[in-house]
């Protein structure tokens, strides 16, 4: 199972791809959160639990067709999560009254076709990501840095995969160590600082934050390679050292410029102002 989150209108939808069956499995709660337009994940989870109970009593096959897989939760830990295929979710959408129903059905319908294209030509996935960032107003300079950072990240996870690091929870632990070392805040704290919920942190980083993240991950991989780090203990040590190198560079830059690298700035759309009721 290969985790690969997708973005729908600034919402991160957790999903994993089963290479054996060539099937995407999506987090049901993430889809429900979009449909119900709930900013709070726990509220969306409660909504799904009640809906699942009602559908079960009605004898709906939708509940039967849902499975559970471990996915990275907001706290960075792997937790069992209800998942379903795009086909099942297309039917589930009908059970949730929502103005987002049609847009998300179209989005889900595209997934299978796009995956087949990307398997034949991996460059297509990067091009689609570029188009999405352009639509959200990112500059070409930012997009280039984001893509360069992703390439650096992929090389690091490739190293981990080949050196006894388990995908999922152990990747999350090492990633958090690197981030804590260079930024002096962990991933969860950094997301909270930026006001993010289910969104991808890297998609809301500044150019400087992306550069220092990439430096920390590049340093971690090269240090790990230099000692052939294998397993969690040795790779944790490499992560701390690699993150520390980026921290020193960050502190030096901040000292010269007087500007903080890690900030609360994000690319979230402006909050809609509530109209006050007029009194007669």
C-alpha atoms as a PDB file:
ATOM      1  CA  UNK A   1       0.000   0.000   0.000  1.00  0.00           C
ATOM      2  CA  UNK A   2       1.448   3.335  -1.068  1.00  0.00           C
ATOM      3  CA  UNK A   3       0.130   6.451   0.775  1.00  0.00           C
ATOM      4  CA  UNK A   4      -0.379   9.442  -1.505  1.00  0.00           C
ATOM      5  CA  UNK A   5      -2.683  12.195  -0.218  1.00  0.00           C
ATOM      6  CA  UNK A   6      -4.710  14.132  -2.770  1.00  0.00           C
ATOM      7  CA  UNK A   7      -6.030  17.680  -2.631  1.00  0.00           C
ATOM      8  CA  UNK A   8      -9.644  18.669  -3.225  1.00  0.00           C
ATOM      9  CA  UNK A   9     -10.289  22.414  -2.929  1.00  0.00           C
ATOM     10  CA  UNK A  10      -7.517  22.904  -0.318  1.00  0.00           C
ATOM     11  CA  UNK A  11      -8.651  19.828   1.650  1.00  0.00           C
ATOM     12  CA  UNK A  12      -6.187  16.952   1.981  1.00  0.00           C
ATOM     13  CA  UNK A  13      -7.878  13.624   1.256  1.00  0.00           C
ATOM     14  CA  UNK A  14      -5.865  10.716   2.625  1.00  0.00           C
ATOM     15  CA  UNK A  15      -5.619   7.792   0.245  1.00  0.00           C
ATOM     16  CA  UNK A  16      -3.449   4.763  -0.414  1.00  0.00           C
ATOM     17  CA  UNK A  17      -2.877   2.871  -3.625  1.00  0.00           C
ATOM     18  CA  UNK A  18      -2.912  -0.924  -3.608  1.00  0.00           C
ATOM     19  CA  UNK A  19      -0.501  -1.907  -6.371  1.00  0.00           C
ATOM     20  CA  UNK A  20      -1.645  -5.547  -6.282  1.00  0.00           C
ATOM     21  CA  UNK A  21      -5.283  -4.736  -7.090  1.00  0.00           C
ATOM     22  CA  UNK A  22      -4.610  -1.355  -8.761  1.00  0.00           C
ATOM     23  CA  UNK A  23      -7.178   0.224  -6.426  1.00  0.00           C
ATOM     24  CA  UNK A  24      -7.315   3.568  -4.646  1.00  0.00           C
ATOM     25  CA  UNK A  25      -8.625   3.470  -1.060  1.00  0.00           C
ATOM     26  CA  UNK A  26      -9.830   6.817   0.299  1.00  0.00           C
ATOM     27  CA  UNK A  27     -10.432   7.916   3.886  1.00  0.00           C
ATOM     28  CA  UNK A  28     -14.222   8.030   4.247  1.00  0.00           C
ATOM     29  CA  UNK A  29     -14.106  10.620   7.040  1.00  0.00           C
ATOM     30  CA  UNK A  30     -12.013  12.976   4.893  1.00  0.00           C
ATOM     31  CA  UNK A  31     -14.646  12.790   2.136  1.00  0.00           C
ATOM     32  CA  UNK A  32     -17.462  13.261   4.668  1.00  0.00           C
ATOM     33  CA  UNK A  33     -15.641  16.277   6.124  1.00  0.00           C
ATOM     34  CA  UNK A  34     -15.626  17.909   2.689  1.00  0.00           C
ATOM     35  CA  UNK A  35     -19.279  17.043   2.042  1.00  0.00           C
ATOM     36  CA  UNK A  36     -20.472  18.357   5.410  1.00  0.00           C
ATOM     37  CA  UNK A  37     -18.092  21.347   5.185  1.00  0.00           C
ATOM     38  CA  UNK A  38     -17.023  20.756   8.776  1.00  0.00           C
ATOM     39  CA  UNK A  39     -13.793  22.521   9.793  1.00  0.00           C
ATOM     40  CA  UNK A  40     -13.456  20.152  12.755  1.00  0.00           C
ATOM     41  CA  UNK A  41     -12.317  16.611  11.975  1.00  0.00           C
ATOM     42  CA  UNK A  42     -13.888  15.080  15.102  1.00  0.00           C
ATOM     43  CA  UNK A  43     -17.308  16.494  14.210  1.00  0.00           C
ATOM     44  CA  UNK A  44     -17.034  14.948  10.750  1.00  0.00           C
ATOM     45  CA  UNK A  45     -16.010  11.621  12.312  1.00  0.00           C
ATOM     46  CA  UNK A  46     -19.087  11.644  14.575  1.00  0.00           C
ATOM     47  CA  UNK A  47     -21.288  12.438  11.572  1.00  0.00           C
ATOM     48  CA  UNK A  48     -19.837   9.478   9.691  1.00  0.00           C
ATOM     49  CA  UNK A  49     -20.306   7.137  12.670  1.00  0.00           C
ATOM     50  CA  UNK A  50     -24.002   8.059  12.900  1.00  0.00           C
ATOM     51  CA  UNK A  51     -24.462   7.734   9.132  1.00  0.00           C
ATOM     52  CA  UNK A  52     -22.692   4.362   9.162  1.00  0.00           C
ATOM     53  CA  UNK A  53     -24.983   3.156  11.948  1.00  0.00           C
ATOM     54  CA  UNK A  54     -28.094   4.260  10.030  1.00  0.00           C
ATOM     55  CA  UNK A  55     -26.923   2.688   6.770  1.00  0.00           C
ATOM     56  CA  UNK A  56     -26.099  -0.535   8.623  1.00  0.00           C
ATOM     57  CA  UNK A  57     -29.616  -0.743  10.063  1.00  0.00           C
ATOM     58  CA  UNK A  58     -31.014  -0.216   6.571  1.00  0.00           C
ATOM     59  CA  UNK A  59     -28.931  -3.142   5.329  1.00  0.00           C
ATOM     60  CA  UNK A  60     -26.930  -0.966   2.935  1.00  0.00           C
ATOM     61  CA  UNK A  61     -24.006  -2.630   1.148  1.00  0.00           C
ATOM     62  CA  UNK A  62     -22.092   0.636   1.423  1.00  0.00           C
ATOM     63  CA  UNK A  63     -21.034  -0.142   4.995  1.00  0.00           C
ATOM     64  CA  UNK A  64     -20.071  -3.701   4.041  1.00  0.00           C
ATOM     65  CA  UNK A  65     -17.894  -2.367   1.229  1.00  0.00           C
ATOM     66  CA  UNK A  66     -15.933  -0.102   3.600  1.00  0.00           C
ATOM     67  CA  UNK A  67     -12.715  -1.485   5.053  1.00  0.00           C
ATOM     68  CA  UNK A  68     -10.133  -0.299   7.569  1.00  0.00           C
ATOM     69  CA  UNK A  69      -6.523   0.570   6.856  1.00  0.00           C
ATOM     70  CA  UNK A  70      -3.880   2.338   8.902  1.00  0.00           C
ATOM     71  CA  UNK A  71      -3.385   5.967   7.874  1.00  0.00           C
ATOM     72  CA  UNK A  72      -1.431   8.848   9.383  1.00  0.00           C
ATOM     73  CA  UNK A  73      -3.733  10.815  11.712  1.00  0.00           C
ATOM     74  CA  UNK A  74      -3.431  14.484  12.749  1.00  0.00           C
ATOM     75  CA  UNK A  75      -1.121  13.501  15.614  1.00  0.00           C
ATOM     76  CA  UNK A  76       1.272  11.841  13.159  1.00  0.00           C
ATOM     77  CA  UNK A  77       0.459   8.319  14.364  1.00  0.00           C
ATOM     78  CA  UNK A  78      -0.839   5.442  12.266  1.00  0.00           C
ATOM     79  CA  UNK A  79      -4.462   4.750  13.151  1.00  0.00           C
ATOM     80  CA  UNK A  80      -7.079   2.423  11.697  1.00  0.00           C
ATOM     81  CA  UNK A  81      -9.308   4.464   9.409  1.00  0.00           C
ATOM     82  CA  UNK A  82     -12.474   3.567   7.472  1.00  0.00           C
ATOM     83  CA  UNK A  83     -11.634   3.523   3.776  1.00  0.00           C
ATOM     84  CA  UNK A  84     -13.564   2.870   0.585  1.00  0.00           C
ATOM     85  CA  UNK A  85     -12.993   2.767  -3.154  1.00  0.00           C
ATOM     86  CA  UNK A  86     -14.030   5.616  -5.443  1.00  0.00           C
ATOM     87  CA  UNK A  87     -16.913   3.478  -6.703  1.00  0.00           C
ATOM     88  CA  UNK A  88     -18.284   2.972  -3.179  1.00  0.00           C
ATOM     89  CA  UNK A  89     -17.805   6.628  -2.296  1.00  0.00           C
ATOM     90  CA  UNK A  90     -19.693   7.740  -5.401  1.00  0.00           C
ATOM     91  CA  UNK A  91     -22.724   5.904  -4.007  1.00  0.00           C
ATOM     92  CA  UNK A  92     -22.086   7.109  -0.452  1.00  0.00           C
ATOM     93  CA  UNK A  93     -22.143  10.735  -1.609  1.00  0.00           C
ATOM     94  CA  UNK A  94     -25.837  10.288  -2.386  1.00  0.00           C
ATOM     95  CA  UNK A  95     -26.502   9.792   1.339  1.00  0.00           C
ATOM     96  CA  UNK A  96     -25.087  13.185   2.354  1.00  0.00           C
ATOM     97  CA  UNK A  97     -27.041  16.305   1.299  1.00  0.00           C
ATOM     98  CA  UNK A  98     -24.306  18.707   0.248  1.00  0.00           C
ATOM     99  CA  UNK A  99     -23.534  21.413  -2.342  1.00  0.00           C
ATOM    100  CA  UNK A 100     -20.137  19.692  -2.673  1.00  0.00           C
ATOM    101  CA  UNK A 101     -21.714  16.424  -3.849  1.00  0.00           C
ATOM    102  CA  UNK A 102     -21.374  16.999  -7.601  1.00  0.00           C
ATOM    103  CA  UNK A 103     -17.844  18.495  -7.512  1.00  0.00           C
ATOM    104  CA  UNK A 104     -16.510  15.645  -5.400  1.00  0.00           C
ATOM    105  CA  UNK A 105     -18.232  13.014  -7.554  1.00  0.00           C
ATOM    106  CA  UNK A 106     -16.498  14.437 -10.621  1.00  0.00           C
ATOM    107  CA  UNK A 107     -13.202  14.502  -8.714  1.00  0.00           C
ATOM    108  CA  UNK A 108     -13.539  10.862  -7.619  1.00  0.00           C
ATOM    109  CA  UNK A 109     -14.502   9.758 -11.120  1.00  0.00           C
ATOM    110  CA  UNK A 110     -11.260  11.197 -12.504  1.00  0.00           C
ATOM    111  CA  UNK A 111      -8.972   9.332 -10.093  1.00  0.00           C
ATOM    112  CA  UNK A 112      -8.851   5.920 -11.760  1.00  0.00           C
ATOM    113  CA  UNK A 113      -8.195   7.305 -15.219  1.00  0.00           C
ATOM    114  CA  UNK A 114      -5.518   9.711 -14.010  1.00  0.00           C
ATOM    115  CA  UNK A 115      -3.708   6.941 -12.095  1.00  0.00           C
ATOM    116  CA  UNK A 116      -3.458   4.807 -15.246  1.00  0.00           C
ATOM    117  CA  UNK A 117      -2.009   7.789 -17.121  1.00  0.00           C
ATOM    118  CA  UNK A 118       0.511   8.519 -14.360  1.00  0.00           C
ATOM    119  CA  UNK A 119       1.706   4.904 -14.236  1.00  0.00           C
ATOM    120  CA  UNK A 120       2.477   5.147 -17.950  1.00  0.00           C
ATOM    121  CA  UNK A 121       4.066   8.602 -17.595  1.00  0.00           C
ATOM    122  CA  UNK A 122       5.064   9.641 -14.004  1.00  0.00           C
ATOM    123  CA  UNK A 123       5.808  13.186 -15.196  1.00  0.00           C
ATOM    124  CA  UNK A 124       2.065  13.711 -15.559  1.00  0.00           C
ATOM    125  CA  UNK A 125       1.519  13.636 -11.778  1.00  0.00           C
ATOM    126  CA  UNK A 126       4.042  16.461 -11.347  1.00  0.00           C
ATOM    127  CA  UNK A 127       2.442  18.431 -14.157  1.00  0.00           C
ATOM    128  CA  UNK A 128      -0.998  18.072 -12.556  1.00  0.00           C
ATOM    129  CA  UNK A 129       0.426  19.248  -9.237  1.00  0.00           C
ATOM    130  CA  UNK A 130       1.974  22.249 -11.011  1.00  0.00           C
ATOM    131  CA  UNK A 131      -1.391  23.124 -12.577  1.00  0.00           C
ATOM    132  CA  UNK A 132      -3.126  22.889  -9.184  1.00  0.00           C
ATOM    133  CA  UNK A 133      -0.581  25.197  -7.536  1.00  0.00           C
ATOM    134  CA  UNK A 134      -0.882  27.666 -10.436  1.00  0.00           C
ATOM    135  CA  UNK A 135      -4.671  27.736 -10.021  1.00  0.00           C
ATOM    136  CA  UNK A 136      -4.148  28.571  -6.348  1.00  0.00           C
ATOM    137  CA  UNK A 137      -1.962  31.535  -7.241  1.00  0.00           C
ATOM    138  CA  UNK A 138       1.496  30.170  -6.398  1.00  0.00           C
ATOM    139  CA  UNK A 139       4.413  31.848  -8.180  1.00  0.00           C
ATOM    140  CA  UNK A 140       6.609  29.900 -10.582  1.00  0.00           C
ATOM    141  CA  UNK A 141       9.518  30.394  -8.171  1.00  0.00           C
ATOM    142  CA  UNK A 142       7.490  28.833  -5.321  1.00  0.00           C
ATOM    143  CA  UNK A 143       6.321  25.962  -7.522  1.00  0.00           C
ATOM    144  CA  UNK A 144       9.881  25.168  -8.589  1.00  0.00           C
ATOM    145  CA  UNK A 145      11.039  25.125  -4.966  1.00  0.00           C
ATOM    146  CA  UNK A 146       8.093  22.930  -3.966  1.00  0.00           C
ATOM    147  CA  UNK A 147       8.894  20.411  -6.706  1.00  0.00           C
ATOM    148  CA  UNK A 148      12.616  20.433  -5.884  1.00  0.00           C
ATOM    149  CA  UNK A 149      11.767  19.849  -2.231  1.00  0.00           C
ATOM    150  CA  UNK A 150       9.506  16.934  -3.167  1.00  0.00           C
ATOM    151  CA  UNK A 151      12.305  15.331  -5.169  1.00  0.00           C
ATOM    152  CA  UNK A 152      14.623  15.685  -2.153  1.00  0.00           C
ATOM    153  CA  UNK A 153      11.934  14.167   0.074  1.00  0.00           C
ATOM    154  CA  UNK A 154      11.423  11.222  -2.294  1.00  0.00           C
ATOM    155  CA  UNK A 155      15.139  10.414  -2.293  1.00  0.00           C
ATOM    156  CA  UNK A 156      15.118  10.383   1.509  1.00  0.00           C
ATOM    157  CA  UNK A 157      12.082   8.074   1.763  1.00  0.00           C
ATOM    158  CA  UNK A 158      13.624   5.802  -0.894  1.00  0.00           C
ATOM    159  CA  UNK A 159      16.685   5.513   1.366  1.00  0.00           C
ATOM    160  CA  UNK A 160      14.516   4.763   4.402  1.00  0.00           C
ATOM    161  CA  UNK A 161      12.579   2.115   2.526  1.00  0.00           C
ATOM    162  CA  UNK A 162      15.812   0.313   1.631  1.00  0.00           C
ATOM    163  CA  UNK A 163      17.231   0.542   5.183  1.00  0.00           C
ATOM    164  CA  UNK A 164      14.636  -1.111   7.396  1.00  0.00           C
ATOM    165  CA  UNK A 165      12.335   1.860   8.030  1.00  0.00           C
ATOM    166  CA  UNK A 166       8.654   0.988   7.903  1.00  0.00           C
ATOM    167  CA  UNK A 167       6.404   3.176   5.800  1.00  0.00           C
ATOM    168  CA  UNK A 168       3.773   5.065   7.727  1.00  0.00           C
ATOM    169  CA  UNK A 169       4.438   5.506  11.432  1.00  0.00           C
ATOM    170  CA  UNK A 170       8.245   5.267  11.335  1.00  0.00           C
ATOM    171  CA  UNK A 171       8.411   7.669   8.363  1.00  0.00           C
ATOM    172  CA  UNK A 172       6.228  10.087  10.360  1.00  0.00           C
ATOM    173  CA  UNK A 173       8.435   9.792  13.458  1.00  0.00           C
ATOM    174  CA  UNK A 174      11.647  10.519  11.524  1.00  0.00           C
ATOM    175  CA  UNK A 175      10.009  13.359   9.585  1.00  0.00           C
ATOM    176  CA  UNK A 176       8.896  14.934  12.852  1.00  0.00           C
ATOM    177  CA  UNK A 177      12.388  14.635  14.347  1.00  0.00           C
ATOM    178  CA  UNK A 178      13.913  16.404  11.330  1.00  0.00           C
ATOM    179  CA  UNK A 179      11.275  19.141  11.474  1.00  0.00           C
ATOM    180  CA  UNK A 180      11.604  19.655  15.226  1.00  0.00           C
ATOM    181  CA  UNK A 181      15.375  19.968  14.899  1.00  0.00           C
ATOM    182  CA  UNK A 182      15.502  22.542  12.100  1.00  0.00           C
ATOM    183  CA  UNK A 183      12.337  24.548  12.874  1.00  0.00           C
ATOM    184  CA  UNK A 184      12.250  24.113  16.683  1.00  0.00           C
ATOM    185  CA  UNK A 185       8.550  23.261  16.372  1.00  0.00           C
ATOM    186  CA  UNK A 186       7.173  19.874  15.394  1.00  0.00           C
ATOM    187  CA  UNK A 187       4.918  19.264  12.389  1.00  0.00           C
ATOM    188  CA  UNK A 188       1.691  19.461  14.411  1.00  0.00           C
ATOM    189  CA  UNK A 189       2.736  22.730  16.060  1.00  0.00           C
ATOM    190  CA  UNK A 190       3.779  24.213  12.718  1.00  0.00           C
ATOM    191  CA  UNK A 191       0.393  23.316  11.190  1.00  0.00           C
ATOM    192  CA  UNK A 192      -1.418  24.834  14.174  1.00  0.00           C
ATOM    193  CA  UNK A 193       0.675  27.985  13.849  1.00  0.00           C
ATOM    194  CA  UNK A 194      -0.518  28.345  10.254  1.00  0.00           C
ATOM    195  CA  UNK A 195      -4.119  27.533  11.096  1.00  0.00           C
ATOM    196  CA  UNK A 196      -4.112  24.311   9.072  1.00  0.00           C
ATOM    197  CA  UNK A 197      -6.355  21.311   9.702  1.00  0.00           C
ATOM    198  CA  UNK A 198      -6.263  18.585   7.061  1.00  0.00           C
ATOM    199  CA  UNK A 199      -4.184  20.617   4.592  1.00  0.00           C
ATOM    200  CA  UNK A 200      -0.668  19.628   3.568  1.00  0.00           C
ATOM    201  CA  UNK A 201       1.857  21.687   5.561  1.00  0.00           C
ATOM    202  CA  UNK A 202       4.346  21.906   2.687  1.00  0.00           C
ATOM    203  CA  UNK A 203       1.686  23.369   0.397  1.00  0.00           C
ATOM    204  CA  UNK A 204       1.456  26.297   2.831  1.00  0.00           C
ATOM    205  CA  UNK A 205       5.147  26.868   3.453  1.00  0.00           C
ATOM    206  CA  UNK A 206       6.963  29.995   2.351  1.00  0.00           C
ATOM    207  CA  UNK A 207       9.857  29.714  -0.073  1.00  0.00           C
ATOM    208  CA  UNK A 208      12.290  29.937   2.855  1.00  0.00           C
ATOM    209  CA  UNK A 209      10.479  27.222   4.848  1.00  0.00           C
ATOM    210  CA  UNK A 210      10.576  24.939   1.804  1.00  0.00           C
ATOM    211  CA  UNK A 211      14.292  25.558   1.308  1.00  0.00           C
ATOM    212  CA  UNK A 212      15.214  24.800   4.926  1.00  0.00           C
ATOM    213  CA  UNK A 213      12.995  21.702   4.953  1.00  0.00           C
ATOM    214  CA  UNK A 214      14.801  20.480   1.843  1.00  0.00           C
ATOM    215  CA  UNK A 215      18.209  21.295   3.346  1.00  0.00           C
ATOM    216  CA  UNK A 216      17.325  19.342   6.502  1.00  0.00           C
ATOM    217  CA  UNK A 217      16.144  16.312   4.522  1.00  0.00           C
ATOM    218  CA  UNK A 218      19.072  16.428   2.085  1.00  0.00           C
ATOM    219  CA  UNK A 219      21.521  16.622   5.014  1.00  0.00           C
ATOM    220  CA  UNK A 220      19.755  13.755   6.781  1.00  0.00           C
ATOM    221  CA  UNK A 221      19.988  11.479   3.738  1.00  0.00           C
ATOM    222  CA  UNK A 222      23.636  12.253   3.006  1.00  0.00           C
ATOM    223  CA  UNK A 223      24.627  11.732   6.648  1.00  0.00           C
ATOM    224  CA  UNK A 224      22.666   8.455   6.738  1.00  0.00           C
ATOM    225  CA  UNK A 225      24.357   7.329   3.514  1.00  0.00           C
ATOM    226  CA  UNK A 226      27.818   8.181   4.871  1.00  0.00           C
ATOM    227  CA  UNK A 227      27.389   5.721   7.771  1.00  0.00           C
ATOM    228  CA  UNK A 228      24.962   3.334   6.032  1.00  0.00           C
ATOM    229  CA  UNK A 229      22.378   4.065   8.745  1.00  0.00           C
ATOM    230  CA  UNK A 230      19.972   1.133   9.094  1.00  0.00           C
ATOM    231  CA  UNK A 231      16.919   0.801  11.341  1.00  0.00           C
ATOM    232  CA  UNK A 232      15.256   3.403  13.537  1.00  0.00           C
ATOM    233  CA  UNK A 233      18.036   4.105  16.061  1.00  0.00           C
ATOM    234  CA  UNK A 234      20.693   4.921  13.475  1.00  0.00           C
ATOM    235  CA  UNK A 235      18.296   6.893  11.270  1.00  0.00           C
ATOM    236  CA  UNK A 236      16.981   8.864  14.255  1.00  0.00           C
ATOM    237  CA  UNK A 237      20.564   9.966  14.920  1.00  0.00           C
ATOM    238  CA  UNK A 238      20.994  10.987  11.272  1.00  0.00           C
ATOM    239  CA  UNK A 239      17.664  12.865  11.389  1.00  0.00           C
ATOM    240  CA  UNK A 240      18.737  14.880  14.440  1.00  0.00           C
ATOM    241  CA  UNK A 241      22.105  15.733  12.910  1.00  0.00           C
ATOM    242  CA  UNK A 242      20.621  16.616   9.509  1.00  0.00           C
ATOM    243  CA  UNK A 243      17.949  18.784  11.072  1.00  0.00           C
ATOM    244  CA  UNK A 244      20.579  20.428  13.255  1.00  0.00           C
ATOM    245  CA  UNK A 245      22.604  21.484  10.224  1.00  0.00           C
ATOM    246  CA  UNK A 246      19.568  23.257   8.761  1.00  0.00           C
ATOM    247  CA  UNK A 247      18.842  24.853  12.158  1.00  0.00           C
ATOM    248  CA  UNK A 248      22.312  26.424  12.271  1.00  0.00           C
ATOM    249  CA  UNK A 249      21.802  27.835   8.791  1.00  0.00           C
ATOM    250  CA  UNK A 250      18.348  29.148   9.744  1.00  0.00           C
ATOM    251  CA  UNK A 251      19.629  30.882  12.876  1.00  0.00           C
ATOM    252  CA  UNK A 252      22.472  32.488  10.932  1.00  0.00           C
ATOM    253  CA  UNK A 253      20.073  33.795   8.284  1.00  0.00           C
ATOM    254  CA  UNK A 254      17.646  35.105  10.907  1.00  0.00           C
ATOM    255  CA  UNK A 255      20.528  36.834  12.672  1.00  0.00           C
ATOM    256  CA  UNK A 256      21.577  38.588   9.463  1.00  0.00           C
ATOM    257  CA  UNK A 257      18.084  39.561   8.271  1.00  0.00           C
ATOM    258  CA  UNK A 258      16.200  40.019  11.530  1.00  0.00           C
ATOM    259  CA  UNK A 259      13.319  38.028  10.005  1.00  0.00           C
ATOM    260  CA  UNK A 260      11.901  34.714  11.248  1.00  0.00           C
ATOM    261  CA  UNK A 261      11.892  31.818   8.789  1.00  0.00           C
ATOM    262  CA  UNK A 262       9.138  29.830  10.508  1.00  0.00           C
ATOM    263  CA  UNK A 263       5.959  31.895  10.421  1.00  0.00           C
ATOM    264  CA  UNK A 264       2.175  31.663  10.607  1.00  0.00           C
ATOM    265  CA  UNK A 265       1.802  32.728   6.970  1.00  0.00           C
ATOM    266  CA  UNK A 266      -0.256  30.393   4.791  1.00  0.00           C
ATOM    267  CA  UNK A 267      -2.090  30.189   1.473  1.00  0.00           C
ATOM    268  CA  UNK A 268      -5.541  29.564   2.898  1.00  0.00           C
ATOM    269  CA  UNK A 269      -8.368  31.471   1.178  1.00  0.00           C
ATOM    270  CA  UNK A 270      -9.554  34.534   3.121  1.00  0.00           C
ATOM    271  CA  UNK A 271     -12.213  33.714   5.699  1.00  0.00           C
ATOM    272  CA  UNK A 272     -15.691  34.734   4.632  1.00  0.00           C
ATOM    273  CA  UNK A 273     -17.102  37.471   6.816  1.00  0.00           C
ATOM    274  CA  UNK A 274     -20.471  36.747   8.370  1.00  0.00           C
ATOM    275  CA  UNK A 275     -23.154  39.285   7.489  1.00  0.00           C
ATOM    276  CA  UNK A 276     -24.751  40.824  10.548  1.00  0.00           C
ATOM    277  CA  UNK A 277     -28.543  40.815  10.694  1.00  0.00           C
ATOM    278  CA  UNK A 278     -30.121  44.208  10.237  1.00  0.00           C
ATOM    279  CA  UNK A 279     -32.408  45.337  12.985  1.00  0.00           C
ATOM    280  CA  UNK A 280     -35.578  47.180  12.143  1.00  0.00           C
END
